[in-house]
């Protein structure tokens, strides 16, 4: 293995890192919003929507992420063309975000829903007994208890989302993995192993930073809860 080539390749790969991180953060934010909506509808058991979202969560969580990327990228334009809508000129990044949001939203919804249900009904009753509205009860009592329960699993979901961004080169997106394949092609696959090792190092560092940040957040909430107790 040529470690010199690994060090030489890292700056080239890092140049495309902002695109990967941009897609990751946008997908994580929108995926969380979708997850909150799905979890809320399933908790309240809204007729029809409850069943539809249950099927959505089950299907997405049971199928590989690459399937969703291909379905969104190749299938969505075909579906919308039946209604006279042409989206073939939309940037690949938009399709990438849609696919990751749908994928991440399903997983996160199944983290938030049981976390919410883990908070006892007595907590809801306590808020009502002191004159709080439903929203005040959730904001001041329920949500601060839900987040610490969900954080460890949310950490795993975010790491999985970060790793799933490496699949986007399959639809022609020149992100960090797409750039890696360009380097491999330009070197006639002579340094293929070195490039993949460089990619592994980058994703390992990113995942470690993400885990550390979430651990700090988890410690903060645990300390806050101990102080409140």
C-alpha atoms as a PDB file:
ATOM      1  CA  UNK A   1       0.000   0.000   0.000  1.00  0.00           C
ATOM      2  CA  UNK A   2       1.278   3.438  -0.992  1.00  0.00           C
ATOM      3  CA  UNK A   3       0.655   5.635   2.074  1.00  0.00           C
ATOM      4  CA  UNK A   4       2.148   8.587   0.224  1.00  0.00           C
ATOM      5  CA  UNK A   5      -0.623   8.384  -2.363  1.00  0.00           C
ATOM      6  CA  UNK A   6      -3.230   8.275   0.407  1.00  0.00           C
ATOM      7  CA  UNK A   7      -1.890  11.543   1.828  1.00  0.00           C
ATOM      8  CA  UNK A   8      -1.709  13.004  -1.674  1.00  0.00           C
ATOM      9  CA  UNK A   9      -5.319  12.016  -2.411  1.00  0.00           C
ATOM     10  CA  UNK A  10      -6.900  13.308   0.796  1.00  0.00           C
ATOM     11  CA  UNK A  11      -6.887  17.042  -0.182  1.00  0.00           C
ATOM     12  CA  UNK A  12      -8.576  16.264  -3.513  1.00  0.00           C
ATOM     13  CA  UNK A  13     -11.281  14.260  -1.791  1.00  0.00           C
ATOM     14  CA  UNK A  14     -11.785  16.854   0.944  1.00  0.00           C
ATOM     15  CA  UNK A  15     -12.550  19.496  -1.714  1.00  0.00           C
ATOM     16  CA  UNK A  16     -15.847  17.711  -2.418  1.00  0.00           C
ATOM     17  CA  UNK A  17     -16.628  17.258   1.279  1.00  0.00           C
ATOM     18  CA  UNK A  18     -18.790  20.441   1.531  1.00  0.00           C
ATOM     19  CA  UNK A  19     -21.295  18.962  -0.937  1.00  0.00           C
ATOM     20  CA  UNK A  20     -21.509  15.721   1.031  1.00  0.00           C
ATOM     21  CA  UNK A  21     -21.958  17.610   4.319  1.00  0.00           C
ATOM     22  CA  UNK A  22     -24.534  19.964   2.775  1.00  0.00           C
ATOM     23  CA  UNK A  23     -26.647  17.037   1.593  1.00  0.00           C
ATOM     24  CA  UNK A  24     -26.211  15.321   4.955  1.00  0.00           C
ATOM     25  CA  UNK A  25     -27.338  18.289   7.064  1.00  0.00           C
ATOM     26  CA  UNK A  26     -30.267  19.201   4.800  1.00  0.00           C
ATOM     27  CA  UNK A  27     -31.415  15.569   4.688  1.00  0.00           C
ATOM     28  CA  UNK A  28     -31.021  15.179   8.457  1.00  0.00           C
ATOM     29  CA  UNK A  29     -33.064  18.328   9.171  1.00  0.00           C
ATOM     30  CA  UNK A  30     -35.865  17.600   6.700  1.00  0.00           C
ATOM     31  CA  UNK A  31     -35.829  13.915   7.627  1.00  0.00           C
ATOM     32  CA  UNK A  32     -36.331  14.847  11.286  1.00  0.00           C
ATOM     33  CA  UNK A  33     -39.308  17.055  10.402  1.00  0.00           C
ATOM     34  CA  UNK A  34     -40.824  14.231   8.358  1.00  0.00           C
ATOM     35  CA  UNK A  35     -40.170  11.810  11.220  1.00  0.00           C
ATOM     36  CA  UNK A  36     -41.949  14.092  13.703  1.00  0.00           C
ATOM     37  CA  UNK A  37     -44.971  14.272  11.382  1.00  0.00           C
ATOM     38  CA  UNK A  38     -45.067  10.505  10.819  1.00  0.00           C
ATOM     39  CA  UNK A  39     -44.586   9.726  14.509  1.00  0.00           C
ATOM     40  CA  UNK A  40     -47.270  12.236  15.572  1.00  0.00           C
ATOM     41  CA  UNK A  41     -49.847  10.865  13.134  1.00  0.00           C
ATOM     42  CA  UNK A  42     -49.137   7.292  14.214  1.00  0.00           C
ATOM     43  CA  UNK A  43     -49.312   8.193  17.916  1.00  0.00           C
ATOM     44  CA  UNK A  44     -52.615  10.050  17.513  1.00  0.00           C
ATOM     45  CA  UNK A  45     -53.789   7.295  15.118  1.00  0.00           C
ATOM     46  CA  UNK A  46     -55.263   9.587  12.470  1.00  0.00           C
ATOM     47  CA  UNK A  47     -57.574   7.413  10.334  1.00  0.00           C
ATOM     48  CA  UNK A  48     -56.149   6.271   6.963  1.00  0.00           C
ATOM     49  CA  UNK A  49     -52.951   8.330   7.379  1.00  0.00           C
ATOM     50  CA  UNK A  50     -51.981   6.197  10.354  1.00  0.00           C
ATOM     51  CA  UNK A  51     -52.153   3.031   8.258  1.00  0.00           C
ATOM     52  CA  UNK A  52     -50.437   4.633   5.252  1.00  0.00           C
ATOM     53  CA  UNK A  53     -47.506   5.902   7.320  1.00  0.00           C
ATOM     54  CA  UNK A  54     -47.199   2.529   9.048  1.00  0.00           C
ATOM     55  CA  UNK A  55     -46.821   0.880   5.631  1.00  0.00           C
ATOM     56  CA  UNK A  56     -44.363   3.606   4.551  1.00  0.00           C
ATOM     57  CA  UNK A  57     -42.176   3.125   7.644  1.00  0.00           C
ATOM     58  CA  UNK A  58     -42.263  -0.657   7.332  1.00  0.00           C
ATOM     59  CA  UNK A  59     -41.405  -0.656   3.623  1.00  0.00           C
ATOM     60  CA  UNK A  60     -38.577   1.865   3.843  1.00  0.00           C
ATOM     61  CA  UNK A  61     -36.982   0.249   6.887  1.00  0.00           C
ATOM     62  CA  UNK A  62     -37.099  -3.180   5.218  1.00  0.00           C
ATOM     63  CA  UNK A  63     -35.451  -2.230   1.913  1.00  0.00           C
ATOM     64  CA  UNK A  64     -31.885  -1.116   1.050  1.00  0.00           C
ATOM     65  CA  UNK A  65     -31.141   2.596   0.787  1.00  0.00           C
ATOM     66  CA  UNK A  66     -29.878   2.186  -2.767  1.00  0.00           C
ATOM     67  CA  UNK A  67     -33.383   1.083  -3.834  1.00  0.00           C
ATOM     68  CA  UNK A  68     -34.880   4.365  -2.632  1.00  0.00           C
ATOM     69  CA  UNK A  69     -32.246   6.402  -4.435  1.00  0.00           C
ATOM     70  CA  UNK A  70     -32.956   4.616  -7.716  1.00  0.00           C
ATOM     71  CA  UNK A  71     -36.739   4.752  -7.246  1.00  0.00           C
ATOM     72  CA  UNK A  72     -36.664   8.497  -6.584  1.00  0.00           C
ATOM     73  CA  UNK A  73     -34.135   9.314  -9.314  1.00  0.00           C
ATOM     74  CA  UNK A  74     -35.582   7.122 -12.054  1.00  0.00           C
ATOM     75  CA  UNK A  75     -39.165   6.572 -10.911  1.00  0.00           C
ATOM     76  CA  UNK A  76     -40.284  10.017  -9.723  1.00  0.00           C
ATOM     77  CA  UNK A  77     -39.800  11.718 -13.134  1.00  0.00           C
ATOM     78  CA  UNK A  78     -41.777   8.915 -14.817  1.00  0.00           C
ATOM     79  CA  UNK A  79     -44.570   9.163 -12.247  1.00  0.00           C
ATOM     80  CA  UNK A  80     -44.894  12.940 -12.499  1.00  0.00           C
ATOM     81  CA  UNK A  81     -44.698  12.880 -16.307  1.00  0.00           C
ATOM     82  CA  UNK A  82     -48.088  11.124 -16.248  1.00  0.00           C
ATOM     83  CA  UNK A  83     -49.481  14.349 -14.777  1.00  0.00           C
ATOM     84  CA  UNK A  84     -47.692  16.556 -17.312  1.00  0.00           C
ATOM     85  CA  UNK A  85     -44.908  17.563 -14.922  1.00  0.00           C
ATOM     86  CA  UNK A  86     -41.343  17.422 -16.253  1.00  0.00           C
ATOM     87  CA  UNK A  87     -38.626  17.288 -13.601  1.00  0.00           C
ATOM     88  CA  UNK A  88     -35.883  15.723 -15.719  1.00  0.00           C
ATOM     89  CA  UNK A  89     -33.885  18.960 -15.614  1.00  0.00           C
ATOM     90  CA  UNK A  90     -33.778  19.119 -11.824  1.00  0.00           C
ATOM     91  CA  UNK A  91     -30.328  18.825 -10.287  1.00  0.00           C
ATOM     92  CA  UNK A  92     -29.271  15.386  -9.042  1.00  0.00           C
ATOM     93  CA  UNK A  93     -28.743  16.870  -5.609  1.00  0.00           C
ATOM     94  CA  UNK A  94     -32.494  17.457  -5.249  1.00  0.00           C
ATOM     95  CA  UNK A  95     -33.241  13.809  -5.995  1.00  0.00           C
ATOM     96  CA  UNK A  96     -30.495  12.820  -3.559  1.00  0.00           C
ATOM     97  CA  UNK A  97     -32.012  14.869  -0.745  1.00  0.00           C
ATOM     98  CA  UNK A  98     -35.534  13.564  -1.412  1.00  0.00           C
ATOM     99  CA  UNK A  99     -34.344   9.953  -1.321  1.00  0.00           C
ATOM    100  CA  UNK A 100     -32.339  10.421   1.882  1.00  0.00           C
ATOM    101  CA  UNK A 101     -35.129  12.357   3.588  1.00  0.00           C
ATOM    102  CA  UNK A 102     -37.651   9.597   2.867  1.00  0.00           C
ATOM    103  CA  UNK A 103     -35.177   6.962   4.019  1.00  0.00           C
ATOM    104  CA  UNK A 104     -34.024   8.748   7.167  1.00  0.00           C
ATOM    105  CA  UNK A 105     -37.518   9.951   8.066  1.00  0.00           C
ATOM    106  CA  UNK A 106     -38.837   6.411   8.335  1.00  0.00           C
ATOM    107  CA  UNK A 107     -36.045   5.291  10.653  1.00  0.00           C
ATOM    108  CA  UNK A 108     -36.164   8.361  12.874  1.00  0.00           C
ATOM    109  CA  UNK A 109     -39.957   8.160  13.177  1.00  0.00           C
ATOM    110  CA  UNK A 110     -39.551   4.691  14.673  1.00  0.00           C
ATOM    111  CA  UNK A 111     -37.126   6.179  17.182  1.00  0.00           C
ATOM    112  CA  UNK A 112     -39.290   9.128  18.188  1.00  0.00           C
ATOM    113  CA  UNK A 113     -42.564   7.204  18.469  1.00  0.00           C
ATOM    114  CA  UNK A 114     -41.476   4.677  21.130  1.00  0.00           C
ATOM    115  CA  UNK A 115     -39.461   7.384  22.897  1.00  0.00           C
ATOM    116  CA  UNK A 116     -42.607   9.495  23.197  1.00  0.00           C
ATOM    117  CA  UNK A 117     -44.683   6.525  24.355  1.00  0.00           C
ATOM    118  CA  UNK A 118     -42.031   5.730  26.988  1.00  0.00           C
ATOM    119  CA  UNK A 119     -43.033   8.875  28.895  1.00  0.00           C
ATOM    120  CA  UNK A 120     -45.764   7.861  31.329  1.00  0.00           C
ATOM    121  CA  UNK A 121     -49.309   9.212  31.067  1.00  0.00           C
ATOM    122  CA  UNK A 122     -48.946  10.600  34.576  1.00  0.00           C
ATOM    123  CA  UNK A 123     -46.575  13.227  33.143  1.00  0.00           C
ATOM    124  CA  UNK A 124     -49.339  14.465  30.839  1.00  0.00           C
ATOM    125  CA  UNK A 125     -51.787  14.493  33.721  1.00  0.00           C
ATOM    126  CA  UNK A 126     -49.335  16.422  35.882  1.00  0.00           C
ATOM    127  CA  UNK A 127     -49.171  19.234  33.321  1.00  0.00           C
ATOM    128  CA  UNK A 128     -52.953  19.401  33.064  1.00  0.00           C
ATOM    129  CA  UNK A 129     -53.335  19.417  36.850  1.00  0.00           C
ATOM    130  CA  UNK A 130     -51.279  22.626  37.209  1.00  0.00           C
ATOM    131  CA  UNK A 131     -53.223  24.397  34.470  1.00  0.00           C
ATOM    132  CA  UNK A 132     -50.884  23.946  31.515  1.00  0.00           C
ATOM    133  CA  UNK A 133     -52.243  23.771  27.996  1.00  0.00           C
ATOM    134  CA  UNK A 134     -51.553  20.699  25.866  1.00  0.00           C
ATOM    135  CA  UNK A 135     -48.724  22.503  24.055  1.00  0.00           C
ATOM    136  CA  UNK A 136     -47.202  23.825  27.292  1.00  0.00           C
ATOM    137  CA  UNK A 137     -47.281  20.320  28.785  1.00  0.00           C
ATOM    138  CA  UNK A 138     -45.450  18.901  25.794  1.00  0.00           C
ATOM    139  CA  UNK A 139     -42.925  21.726  25.555  1.00  0.00           C
ATOM    140  CA  UNK A 140     -42.051  21.920  29.232  1.00  0.00           C
ATOM    141  CA  UNK A 141     -42.549  18.348  30.447  1.00  0.00           C
ATOM    142  CA  UNK A 142     -42.848  15.752  27.688  1.00  0.00           C
ATOM    143  CA  UNK A 143     -40.327  16.817  25.023  1.00  0.00           C
ATOM    144  CA  UNK A 144     -37.453  17.358  27.518  1.00  0.00           C
ATOM    145  CA  UNK A 145     -37.936  13.723  28.562  1.00  0.00           C
ATOM    146  CA  UNK A 146     -38.348  12.332  25.054  1.00  0.00           C
ATOM    147  CA  UNK A 147     -35.082  13.712  23.670  1.00  0.00           C
ATOM    148  CA  UNK A 148     -32.697  12.031  26.165  1.00  0.00           C
ATOM    149  CA  UNK A 149     -34.447   8.709  25.533  1.00  0.00           C
ATOM    150  CA  UNK A 150     -34.143   9.094  21.756  1.00  0.00           C
ATOM    151  CA  UNK A 151     -30.607  10.517  21.560  1.00  0.00           C
ATOM    152  CA  UNK A 152     -28.591   7.251  21.530  1.00  0.00           C
ATOM    153  CA  UNK A 153     -30.701   5.832  18.701  1.00  0.00           C
ATOM    154  CA  UNK A 154     -30.728   9.160  16.867  1.00  0.00           C
ATOM    155  CA  UNK A 155     -26.929   9.050  16.928  1.00  0.00           C
ATOM    156  CA  UNK A 156     -26.964   5.710  15.107  1.00  0.00           C
ATOM    157  CA  UNK A 157     -29.521   6.989  12.595  1.00  0.00           C
ATOM    158  CA  UNK A 158     -27.386  10.040  11.776  1.00  0.00           C
ATOM    159  CA  UNK A 159     -24.282   7.912  11.288  1.00  0.00           C
ATOM    160  CA  UNK A 160     -26.241   5.634   8.966  1.00  0.00           C
ATOM    161  CA  UNK A 161     -27.433   8.700   7.030  1.00  0.00           C
ATOM    162  CA  UNK A 162     -23.864   9.954   6.705  1.00  0.00           C
ATOM    163  CA  UNK A 163     -22.742   6.596   5.349  1.00  0.00           C
ATOM    164  CA  UNK A 164     -25.701   6.464   2.945  1.00  0.00           C
ATOM    165  CA  UNK A 165     -24.453   9.624   1.228  1.00  0.00           C
ATOM    166  CA  UNK A 166     -21.677   7.443  -0.208  1.00  0.00           C
ATOM    167  CA  UNK A 167     -24.286   5.791  -2.469  1.00  0.00           C
ATOM    168  CA  UNK A 168     -25.198   8.976  -4.300  1.00  0.00           C
ATOM    169  CA  UNK A 169     -22.363   8.640  -6.813  1.00  0.00           C
ATOM    170  CA  UNK A 170     -24.462   5.841  -8.372  1.00  0.00           C
ATOM    171  CA  UNK A 171     -26.766   8.470  -9.891  1.00  0.00           C
ATOM    172  CA  UNK A 172     -23.849  10.566 -11.114  1.00  0.00           C
ATOM    173  CA  UNK A 173     -23.439  12.989  -8.208  1.00  0.00           C
ATOM    174  CA  UNK A 174     -19.822  14.145  -7.910  1.00  0.00           C
ATOM    175  CA  UNK A 175     -19.579  14.113  -4.156  1.00  0.00           C
ATOM    176  CA  UNK A 176     -16.710  12.682  -2.145  1.00  0.00           C
ATOM    177  CA  UNK A 177     -17.391   9.135  -3.368  1.00  0.00           C
ATOM    178  CA  UNK A 178     -17.922  10.330  -6.927  1.00  0.00           C
ATOM    179  CA  UNK A 179     -14.564  12.106  -6.804  1.00  0.00           C
ATOM    180  CA  UNK A 180     -12.982   8.923  -5.469  1.00  0.00           C
ATOM    181  CA  UNK A 181     -14.193   6.985  -8.492  1.00  0.00           C
ATOM    182  CA  UNK A 182     -12.806   9.652 -10.821  1.00  0.00           C
ATOM    183  CA  UNK A 183      -9.385   9.320  -9.163  1.00  0.00           C
ATOM    184  CA  UNK A 184      -9.555   5.538  -9.448  1.00  0.00           C
ATOM    185  CA  UNK A 185     -10.421   5.765 -13.149  1.00  0.00           C
ATOM    186  CA  UNK A 186      -7.663   8.309 -13.851  1.00  0.00           C
ATOM    187  CA  UNK A 187      -5.064   6.070 -12.197  1.00  0.00           C
ATOM    188  CA  UNK A 188      -6.315   2.990 -14.080  1.00  0.00           C
ATOM    189  CA  UNK A 189      -7.306   1.371 -10.764  1.00  0.00           C
ATOM    190  CA  UNK A 190      -3.653   1.061  -9.741  1.00  0.00           C
ATOM    191  CA  UNK A 191      -4.337   2.950  -6.489  1.00  0.00           C
ATOM    192  CA  UNK A 192      -7.872   1.693  -5.923  1.00  0.00           C
ATOM    193  CA  UNK A 193      -7.158   0.368  -2.423  1.00  0.00           C
ATOM    194  CA  UNK A 194      -5.406   3.584  -1.386  1.00  0.00           C
ATOM    195  CA  UNK A 195      -8.360   5.722  -2.494  1.00  0.00           C
ATOM    196  CA  UNK A 196     -10.838   3.584  -0.582  1.00  0.00           C
ATOM    197  CA  UNK A 197      -8.648   3.736   2.517  1.00  0.00           C
ATOM    198  CA  UNK A 198      -8.590   7.539   2.205  1.00  0.00           C
ATOM    199  CA  UNK A 199     -12.404   7.543   1.951  1.00  0.00           C
ATOM    200  CA  UNK A 200     -12.635   5.287   5.011  1.00  0.00           C
ATOM    201  CA  UNK A 201     -10.420   7.663   7.006  1.00  0.00           C
ATOM    202  CA  UNK A 202     -12.588  10.666   6.102  1.00  0.00           C
ATOM    203  CA  UNK A 203     -15.858   8.947   7.004  1.00  0.00           C
ATOM    204  CA  UNK A 204     -14.331   7.593  10.207  1.00  0.00           C
ATOM    205  CA  UNK A 205     -13.295  11.098  11.288  1.00  0.00           C
ATOM    206  CA  UNK A 206     -16.700  12.563  10.383  1.00  0.00           C
ATOM    207  CA  UNK A 207     -18.539   9.816  12.269  1.00  0.00           C
ATOM    208  CA  UNK A 208     -16.283  10.261  15.308  1.00  0.00           C
ATOM    209  CA  UNK A 209     -16.956  14.009  15.407  1.00  0.00           C
ATOM    210  CA  UNK A 210     -20.694  13.387  15.057  1.00  0.00           C
ATOM    211  CA  UNK A 211     -20.710  10.803  17.843  1.00  0.00           C
ATOM    212  CA  UNK A 212     -18.709  13.104  20.132  1.00  0.00           C
ATOM    213  CA  UNK A 213     -21.097  16.021  19.530  1.00  0.00           C
ATOM    214  CA  UNK A 214     -24.135  13.867  20.294  1.00  0.00           C
ATOM    215  CA  UNK A 215     -22.473  12.454  23.399  1.00  0.00           C
ATOM    216  CA  UNK A 216     -21.947  16.000  24.669  1.00  0.00           C
ATOM    217  CA  UNK A 217     -25.616  16.728  24.030  1.00  0.00           C
ATOM    218  CA  UNK A 218     -26.616  13.549  25.833  1.00  0.00           C
ATOM    219  CA  UNK A 219     -24.440  14.424  28.837  1.00  0.00           C
ATOM    220  CA  UNK A 220     -25.965  17.906  28.937  1.00  0.00           C
ATOM    221  CA  UNK A 221     -29.501  16.548  29.102  1.00  0.00           C
ATOM    222  CA  UNK A 222     -28.563  13.901  31.645  1.00  0.00           C
ATOM    223  CA  UNK A 223     -26.961  16.562  33.860  1.00  0.00           C
ATOM    224  CA  UNK A 224     -29.975  18.835  33.371  1.00  0.00           C
ATOM    225  CA  UNK A 225     -32.351  16.037  34.373  1.00  0.00           C
ATOM    226  CA  UNK A 226     -30.275  15.231  37.489  1.00  0.00           C
ATOM    227  CA  UNK A 227     -30.350  18.898  38.492  1.00  0.00           C
ATOM    228  CA  UNK A 228     -34.086  19.060  37.944  1.00  0.00           C
ATOM    229  CA  UNK A 229     -34.532  15.846  39.948  1.00  0.00           C
END
